[in-house]
Amino acid sequence: MSASKDRSANGVSQRLLEWYDRSARTLPWRSPPGKPPPPPYRVWLSEVMLQQTTTAAVAPYYARFLERWPTVEALAAAEDADVMAAWAGLGYYSRARNLLAAARAVAARGSFPDTEDGLRALPGVGAYIAAAVVAIAFDRRAVVVDANVERVVARLFAIGTPLPAARKEIRAGADAITPDERAGDFAQAMMDLGATICTPRDPRCLLCPLAQDCRARAEGDPARFPVRPAKKAKPTRKGAAFWIERVDATGRSVWLVRREGKGILGGMRALPDDGWSARADGFGVPSGDWHHAGTVRHGFTHFDLELSVHVSRAAQPDGEGEWWPVERIEEAGLPTLFAKAAARALG
């Protein structure tokens, strides 16, 4: 198939939209095919949450956010700590910080921008989210390329250039088949095709509405596209976390700190630690009466972490923090790493 906008490309979009009308997934942030689009706030919120996160993981967070902050103005007025706590467990916490900054920028201007350039000026909004909001919320033609679309297009055109260099060709291919009408439905149809039919492994070509157009299928090995470079091994860092507990007339409580606003897990409540980072191990366990409760493991994007958990009822906390009731530890909004550490300390 040529990467030019011709009748063949128009046929691709028509076949895909006909399939979408029959097979569209039902998702809480989506309008059914042919119905009025959802508000920009809902599209933007869902797309931020869905970055590098599955729909199954996002759905309950999305519902809770909408219940608590039903409009962008409500989110803009929220306390930073409340938003970060509500995000806890969803990962990639810079998204939450950017979410709040972008909400405040939108509230200050009075409405969401309705162009890709305007949306990209918001914190945390890149080319993909800007195009998705323009297409889905404003129903204007935009070339929307996420990981699912990337895979579909790479196979459709049998693009053999390895990623990330292939992305220019992939975008050109996506542009060639993107129709002028039903922009939002087409974007979501491409996402659905990649998520349910044109899957990374064992694509279900017999069920694909674009099977007759697919060069990779014609070549006999669609699963090899998109071509990826060899993975680099991630380093493993070592660190320590400290469960400092006290018991008084109010009951058991644990010392929690607030991590710095930038960097890994920035702005989140956490257990004190020994200063581990993506670049270096921590400094270890200080002297004192510490009980080793075990080790938890956690994977970040660029490194893995082995975090040993140490418990003390005699240590005195340093710096700023707060005593948090142990019986309410699940309400603290600890990120997954420190929730694991807390569970190990209490285990």
Protein backbone atom coordinates (compact mmCIF):
# COMPACT_ATOMS: atom_id res chain seq x y z
CA MET A 1 0.00 0.00 0.00
CA SER A 2 1.30 3.44 -0.89
CA ALA A 3 1.77 6.03 1.84
CA SER A 4 -0.15 8.52 -0.28
CA LYS A 5 -3.71 9.60 0.36
CA ASP A 6 -5.54 7.66 -2.39
CA ARG A 7 -8.62 5.53 -2.82
CA SER A 8 -6.85 2.59 -1.23
CA ALA A 9 -6.15 4.61 1.90
CA ASN A 10 -9.74 5.82 1.95
CA GLY A 11 -10.85 2.20 1.73
CA VAL A 12 -8.75 1.37 4.80
CA SER A 13 -10.40 4.07 6.88
CA GLN A 14 -13.87 3.08 5.67
CA ARG A 15 -13.35 -0.59 6.51
CA LEU A 16 -11.92 0.27 9.90
CA LEU A 17 -14.82 2.59 10.80
CA GLU A 18 -17.37 -0.02 9.72
CA TRP A 19 -15.63 -2.51 12.01
CA TYR A 20 -15.54 0.04 14.85
CA ASP A 21 -19.28 0.67 14.54
CA ARG A 22 -19.80 -3.04 15.27
CA SER A 23 -16.95 -3.74 17.67
CA ALA A 24 -16.04 -0.61 19.66
CA ARG A 25 -14.95 -1.24 23.23
CA THR A 26 -17.12 0.26 25.96
CA LEU A 27 -14.84 2.44 28.12
CA PRO A 28 -15.85 4.94 30.81
CA TRP A 29 -14.12 7.88 29.09
CA ARG A 30 -15.52 7.18 25.64
CA SER A 31 -18.71 8.03 23.71
CA PRO A 32 -20.22 5.27 21.53
CA PRO A 33 -19.53 5.46 17.77
CA GLY A 34 -21.40 8.27 16.07
CA LYS A 35 -22.45 9.94 19.36
CA PRO A 36 -21.42 13.46 20.50
CA PRO A 37 -17.86 13.49 21.84
CA PRO A 38 -17.07 13.57 25.56
CA PRO A 39 -15.92 16.85 27.15
CA PRO A 40 -12.24 17.74 26.65
CA TYR A 41 -11.60 17.40 30.41
CA ARG A 42 -12.59 13.74 30.38
CA VAL A 43 -10.59 12.93 27.26
CA TRP A 44 -7.49 14.70 28.55
CA LEU A 45 -7.76 13.12 32.02
CA SER A 46 -8.10 9.63 30.60
CA GLU A 47 -5.23 10.06 28.14
CA VAL A 48 -2.87 11.31 30.85
CA MET A 49 -3.78 8.34 33.04
CA LEU A 50 -3.46 5.86 30.17
CA GLN A 51 0.15 6.77 29.38
CA GLN A 52 2.12 3.55 29.96
CA THR A 53 -0.80 2.14 31.98
CA THR A 54 -3.50 -0.40 31.06
CA THR A 55 -7.18 0.43 30.71
CA ALA A 56 -8.01 -2.05 33.50
CA ALA A 57 -5.67 -0.28 35.92
CA VAL A 58 -6.86 3.19 34.93
CA ALA A 59 -10.64 2.66 35.07
CA PRO A 60 -11.10 2.79 38.90
CA TYR A 61 -8.72 5.76 39.25
CA TYR A 62 -10.55 7.62 36.50
CA ALA A 63 -13.90 7.04 38.20
CA ARG A 64 -12.59 8.22 41.58
CA PHE A 65 -11.01 11.34 40.08
CA LEU A 66 -14.23 12.28 38.28
CA GLU A 67 -16.28 11.70 41.40
CA ARG A 68 -13.98 13.88 43.49
CA TRP A 69 -13.06 16.47 40.83
CA PRO A 70 -15.81 16.42 38.17
CA THR A 71 -14.49 19.47 36.27
CA VAL A 72 -11.12 20.88 35.39
CA GLU A 73 -11.88 23.86 37.65
CA ALA A 74 -12.46 21.50 40.59
CA LEU A 75 -9.18 19.72 39.91
CA ALA A 76 -7.35 23.04 39.57
CA ALA A 77 -8.55 24.03 43.05
CA ALA A 78 -7.42 20.76 44.67
CA GLU A 79 -4.58 20.52 47.15
CA ASP A 80 -1.39 19.05 45.70
CA ALA A 81 -1.18 16.45 48.48
CA ASP A 82 -4.76 15.29 47.85
CA VAL A 83 -4.13 14.76 44.13
CA MET A 84 -0.86 12.94 44.73
CA ALA A 85 -2.51 10.69 47.32
CA ALA A 86 -5.40 9.93 44.93
CA TRP A 87 -2.85 9.02 42.24
CA ALA A 88 -0.92 6.66 44.54
CA GLY A 89 -0.45 3.24 42.99
CA LEU A 90 -0.93 4.40 39.39
CA GLY A 91 2.80 5.06 38.92
CA TYR A 92 4.78 7.57 36.86
CA TYR A 93 4.03 10.30 39.38
CA SER A 94 5.29 13.16 37.24
CA ARG A 95 2.02 12.69 35.36
CA ALA A 96 0.06 13.69 38.47
CA ARG A 97 2.19 16.78 39.02
CA ASN A 98 1.76 17.81 35.38
CA LEU A 99 -1.96 17.00 35.55
CA LEU A 100 -2.46 19.49 38.34
CA ALA A 101 -0.30 22.16 36.68
CA ALA A 102 -2.17 21.76 33.39
CA ALA A 103 -5.57 21.91 35.12
CA ARG A 104 -4.59 25.19 36.74
CA ALA A 105 -3.40 26.57 33.41
CA VAL A 106 -6.70 25.60 31.73
CA ALA A 107 -8.76 27.06 34.57
CA ALA A 108 -6.78 30.29 34.37
CA ARG A 109 -7.47 30.67 30.64
CA GLY A 110 -11.13 29.67 30.99
CA SER A 111 -11.28 26.64 28.70
CA PHE A 112 -9.25 23.91 27.06
CA PRO A 113 -7.27 24.92 23.95
CA ASP A 114 -8.83 23.37 20.85
CA THR A 115 -5.68 23.12 18.72
CA GLU A 116 -2.71 20.78 18.93
CA ASP A 117 -0.28 23.66 19.40
CA GLY A 118 -2.41 25.15 22.16
CA LEU A 119 -2.71 21.85 23.96
CA ARG A 120 1.01 21.10 23.68
CA ALA A 121 1.69 24.30 25.59
CA LEU A 122 0.10 22.68 28.67
CA PRO A 123 2.38 20.87 31.16
CA GLY A 124 2.73 17.19 30.41
CA VAL A 125 0.89 17.31 27.07
CA GLY A 126 2.95 15.96 24.18
CA ALA A 127 2.15 15.29 20.54
CA TYR A 128 0.07 12.18 21.19
CA ILE A 129 -2.21 13.59 23.91
CA ALA A 130 -2.68 16.86 22.00
CA ALA A 131 -3.72 14.98 18.84
CA ALA A 132 -5.99 12.63 20.81
CA VAL A 133 -7.85 15.49 22.51
CA VAL A 134 -8.26 17.39 19.23
CA ALA A 135 -9.59 14.30 17.44
CA ILE A 136 -11.72 12.75 20.19
CA ALA A 137 -13.03 15.78 22.09
CA PHE A 138 -13.21 18.31 19.23
CA ASP A 139 -13.73 15.82 16.36
CA ARG A 140 -11.11 17.51 14.19
CA ARG A 141 -8.68 15.68 11.97
CA ALA A 142 -5.45 14.89 13.78
CA VAL A 143 -2.88 12.14 13.35
CA VAL A 144 -3.09 10.14 16.58
CA VAL A 145 -0.27 7.65 17.14
CA ASP A 146 0.02 5.72 20.40
CA ALA A 147 1.73 2.35 20.90
CA ASN A 148 -1.27 0.44 19.54
CA VAL A 149 -1.55 2.64 16.46
CA GLU A 150 2.21 2.45 15.96
CA ARG A 151 1.99 -1.33 15.79
CA VAL A 152 -0.98 -1.36 13.41
CA VAL A 153 0.63 1.09 10.99
CA ALA A 154 4.04 -0.60 11.10
CA ARG A 155 2.37 -3.87 10.08
CA LEU A 156 0.00 -2.31 7.56
CA PHE A 157 2.94 -0.80 5.65
CA ALA A 158 5.54 -3.46 6.67
CA ILE A 159 7.88 -0.74 7.90
CA GLY A 160 11.19 -2.52 8.47
CA THR A 161 13.16 0.37 9.96
CA PRO A 162 13.78 -0.34 13.67
CA LEU A 163 12.23 1.87 16.32
CA PRO A 164 12.63 4.65 17.26
CA ALA A 165 13.93 5.71 13.82
CA ALA A 166 10.80 4.23 12.19
CA ARG A 167 8.46 6.71 13.89
CA LYS A 168 8.67 9.27 11.09
CA GLU A 169 7.60 6.62 8.56
CA ILE A 170 4.90 5.36 10.89
CA ARG A 171 3.48 8.83 11.34
CA ALA A 172 3.45 9.33 7.55
CA GLY A 173 1.57 6.05 7.16
CA ALA A 174 -0.94 7.02 9.85
CA ASP A 175 -1.42 10.40 8.17
CA ALA A 176 -2.11 8.69 4.84
CA ILE A 177 -5.04 6.65 6.18
CA THR A 178 -6.54 9.22 8.60
CA PRO A 179 -9.85 10.45 7.15
CA ASP A 180 -11.16 14.01 7.24
CA GLU A 181 -14.45 12.93 8.87
CA ARG A 182 -15.15 11.04 12.11
CA ALA A 183 -11.69 11.88 13.42
CA GLY A 184 -12.37 10.78 16.97
CA ASP A 185 -13.99 7.49 15.98
CA PHE A 186 -11.12 6.70 13.62
CA ALA A 187 -8.48 7.38 16.28
CA GLN A 188 -10.26 5.17 18.78
CA ALA A 189 -10.86 2.49 16.14
CA MET A 190 -7.11 2.30 15.51
CA MET A 191 -6.48 2.03 19.25
CA ASP A 192 -9.08 -0.72 19.59
CA LEU A 193 -7.69 -2.64 16.62
CA GLY A 194 -4.23 -2.63 18.16
CA ALA A 195 -5.51 -3.54 21.62
CA THR A 196 -7.82 -6.39 20.63
CA ILE A 197 -6.85 -7.74 17.18
CA CYS A 198 -3.42 -6.51 16.07
CA THR A 199 -1.82 -7.49 19.36
CA PRO A 200 1.95 -7.59 20.01
CA ARG A 201 2.05 -11.38 19.96
CA ASP A 202 -0.16 -13.72 17.95
CA PRO A 203 -2.15 -11.08 16.03
CA ARG A 204 -5.65 -12.30 15.15
CA CYS A 205 -5.36 -11.64 11.42
CA LEU A 206 -8.40 -13.72 10.47
CA LEU A 207 -10.60 -11.28 12.41
CA CYS A 208 -8.87 -8.11 11.20
CA PRO A 209 -10.90 -5.74 9.02
CA LEU A 210 -7.66 -4.59 7.37
CA ALA A 211 -6.21 -8.04 6.65
CA GLN A 212 -6.53 -7.55 2.88
CA ASP A 213 -4.54 -4.30 3.10
CA CYS A 214 -1.77 -5.51 5.41
CA ARG A 215 1.68 -5.86 3.86
CA ALA A 216 3.11 -7.61 6.91
CA ARG A 217 0.45 -10.30 6.67
CA ALA A 218 1.20 -10.71 2.97
CA GLU A 219 4.86 -11.21 3.85
CA GLY A 220 3.85 -13.97 6.28
CA ASP A 221 5.19 -12.68 9.61
CA PRO A 222 3.20 -9.72 10.96
CA ALA A 223 4.35 -10.27 14.56
CA ARG A 224 7.89 -9.15 13.71
CA PHE A 225 6.64 -5.59 13.17
CA PRO A 226 7.35 -3.04 14.47
CA VAL A 227 11.04 -3.90 14.48
CA ARG A 228 12.57 -3.13 17.86
CA PRO A 229 16.20 -2.68 18.84
CA ALA A 230 17.75 -5.06 21.35
CA LYS A 231 16.79 -4.21 24.93
CA LYS A 232 19.46 -2.83 27.19
CA ALA A 233 19.79 -4.48 30.57
CA LYS A 234 18.49 -2.32 33.42
CA PRO A 235 20.80 -1.77 36.39
CA THR A 236 19.69 -2.89 39.85
CA ARG A 237 20.06 -0.36 42.65
CA LYS A 238 20.01 -1.13 46.37
CA GLY A 239 18.48 1.00 49.08
CA ALA A 240 16.85 0.93 52.50
CA ALA A 241 13.58 2.20 53.91
CA PHE A 242 12.89 2.84 57.58
CA TRP A 243 9.70 2.12 59.52
CA ILE A 244 9.99 4.30 62.62
CA GLU A 245 7.11 3.56 64.97
CA ARG A 246 5.90 4.99 68.26
CA VAL A 247 3.16 3.91 70.64
CA ASP A 248 1.43 6.42 72.91
CA ALA A 249 -2.01 7.22 74.28
CA THR A 250 -3.37 7.71 70.75
CA GLY A 251 -2.18 4.30 69.58
CA ARG A 252 0.48 3.17 67.07
CA SER A 253 1.82 5.61 64.51
CA VAL A 254 4.60 5.60 61.92
CA TRP A 255 6.80 8.48 60.75
CA LEU A 256 6.12 9.48 57.14
CA VAL A 257 7.94 12.09 55.08
CA ARG A 258 7.05 14.00 51.93
CA ARG A 259 9.46 13.37 49.07
CA GLU A 260 10.89 16.32 47.16
CA GLY A 261 8.58 17.74 44.52
CA LYS A 262 10.78 16.68 41.61
CA GLY A 263 12.37 13.37 40.79
CA ILE A 264 11.30 9.81 41.51
CA LEU A 265 7.97 9.65 43.37
CA GLY A 266 8.19 13.41 43.83
CA GLY A 267 5.65 15.00 46.16
CA MET A 268 4.45 11.67 47.55
CA ARG A 269 4.19 10.57 51.17
CA ALA A 270 6.75 7.86 51.87
CA LEU A 271 8.82 6.11 54.48
CA PRO A 272 12.21 7.72 55.14
CA ASP A 273 14.97 6.10 53.10
CA ASP A 274 18.72 6.11 52.66
CA GLY A 275 18.95 8.33 49.58
CA TRP A 276 18.92 5.69 46.81
CA SER A 277 18.42 7.03 43.29
CA ALA A 278 18.34 5.90 39.67
CA ARG A 279 22.08 6.57 39.50
CA ALA A 280 23.38 5.17 42.80
CA ASP A 281 22.73 2.89 45.73
CA GLY A 282 21.70 4.34 49.08
CA PHE A 283 24.09 4.97 51.92
CA GLY A 284 22.81 2.04 54.00
CA VAL A 285 21.35 1.58 57.46
CA PRO A 286 22.41 4.02 60.19
CA SER A 287 23.56 2.76 63.57
CA GLY A 288 20.88 1.96 66.09
CA ASP A 289 18.41 -0.70 67.13
CA TRP A 290 16.99 -1.75 63.76
CA HIS A 291 15.17 -4.97 62.90
CA HIS A 292 15.49 -6.14 59.30
CA ALA A 293 11.94 -6.98 58.18
CA GLY A 294 12.87 -8.17 54.70
CA THR A 295 13.40 -6.84 51.18
CA VAL A 296 10.97 -5.66 48.52
CA ARG A 297 11.69 -5.35 44.81
CA HIS A 298 10.27 -2.78 42.44
CA GLY A 299 10.82 -1.95 38.78
CA PHE A 300 11.15 1.61 37.52
CA THR A 301 11.46 2.59 33.86
CA HIS A 302 15.25 2.76 33.81
CA PHE A 303 16.30 0.65 36.79
CA ASP A 304 15.19 -2.00 39.26
CA LEU A 305 15.35 -1.44 43.00
CA GLU A 306 15.98 -3.83 45.89
CA LEU A 307 14.78 -2.04 49.02
CA SER A 308 15.55 -3.53 52.42
CA VAL A 309 13.03 -2.61 55.11
CA HIS A 310 14.18 -1.83 58.65
CA VAL A 311 11.96 -1.33 61.70
CA SER A 312 12.65 0.56 64.91
CA ARG A 313 10.62 1.74 67.89
CA ALA A 314 13.57 3.58 69.37
CA ALA A 315 14.93 5.68 66.49
CA GLN A 316 14.21 9.41 66.48
CA PRO A 317 13.08 10.84 63.14
CA ASP A 318 15.03 13.65 61.48
CA GLY A 319 13.69 16.56 59.46
CA GLU A 320 10.12 17.30 58.50
CA GLY A 321 7.41 14.67 58.50
CA GLU A 322 4.27 13.52 60.27
CA TRP A 323 3.16 10.75 62.58
CA TRP A 324 0.55 8.72 60.75
CA PRO A 325 -1.80 6.24 62.49
CA VAL A 326 -0.77 2.72 61.58
CA GLU A 327 -4.38 1.57 61.44
CA ARG A 328 -4.97 4.14 58.67
CA ILE A 329 -1.79 3.50 56.68
CA GLU A 330 -3.81 2.60 53.55
CA GLU A 331 -5.22 6.15 53.57
CA ALA A 332 -1.76 7.74 53.41
CA GLY A 333 -1.57 7.43 49.62
CA LEU A 334 1.82 5.72 49.65
CA PRO A 335 3.20 4.91 46.19
CA THR A 336 3.39 1.21 45.39
CA LEU A 337 7.05 0.85 46.39
CA PHE A 338 6.48 2.19 49.90
CA ALA A 339 3.14 0.42 50.24
CA LYS A 340 5.08 -2.80 49.66
CA ALA A 341 7.65 -1.72 52.26
CA ALA A 342 4.92 -0.89 54.78
CA ALA A 343 3.30 -4.28 54.24
CA ARG A 344 6.66 -5.95 54.82
CA ALA A 345 7.22 -3.95 58.03
CA LEU A 346 3.78 -4.92 59.32
CA GLY A 347 4.08 -8.52 58.17
